[in-house]
């Protein structure tokens, strides 16, 4: 690894996308190292993240940092003078942002995974209900956090914007796969407007995966899971 900063990732991962967006916003030069997660995981990945054995892993000066939310916090401290701040400077606002990031990782994100992996109508309906409930809560959170500004964090893309925004392409793919509407303009007008602004940000347009390619990846995930269940 020639560069001081390296990112172990998977192109389809929204968690990896979080780190990529943050690195670009901070203007940090890095080398991206694509990983294989289904089989033949690299020795570098296994050595860098021996506990979870997953991406993303940020390697800075040969020291690995794991888990995307932790990586973003680390970046804001290490490269605080570079680019815009990722986390809010106000302690209360920072705590609220961290709360909603935890909610996305613990509740909302798993509901999206359930919609990709669901095998029965009942499983998909339950996951869709949980996802829509999550969007309703996040609509309220956006109204309170943004205070009429463009993003959760104010006028610029911030911590919560990056974390939730990195799921947007997957939401689009899931809507097509399952024939449902999750991010409904009528139900969630504030989030829908925010999503348009997030997509329009230059750094996001540069990094957001293409929907068709992501759809093919989702089908591959389903096929692998079905094959594993049959064995």
Foldseek 3Di string as FASTA:
>chain_A
DPDQKEWEEAQLDLLSQLVLLLCVQQVPDYHYDYFDDPDDTDPVLCVQCVPPSHDTWMQGNNHTDHTSLRSLVVCCVVSVVGGDRAADPDPVSNVLLVVLLVCCVPFQVVLLVQLLQPDDPVSNVVSLVSNLVNLLVVLVQQCVQAVPALGSPYPDHHNNCSSVLSCVLSQVLSCVVVVHHRCDCVSRVSVVSSNVVSCPDPSNVVRRDDNVVSNVVSVVVNVVVVVVVVD
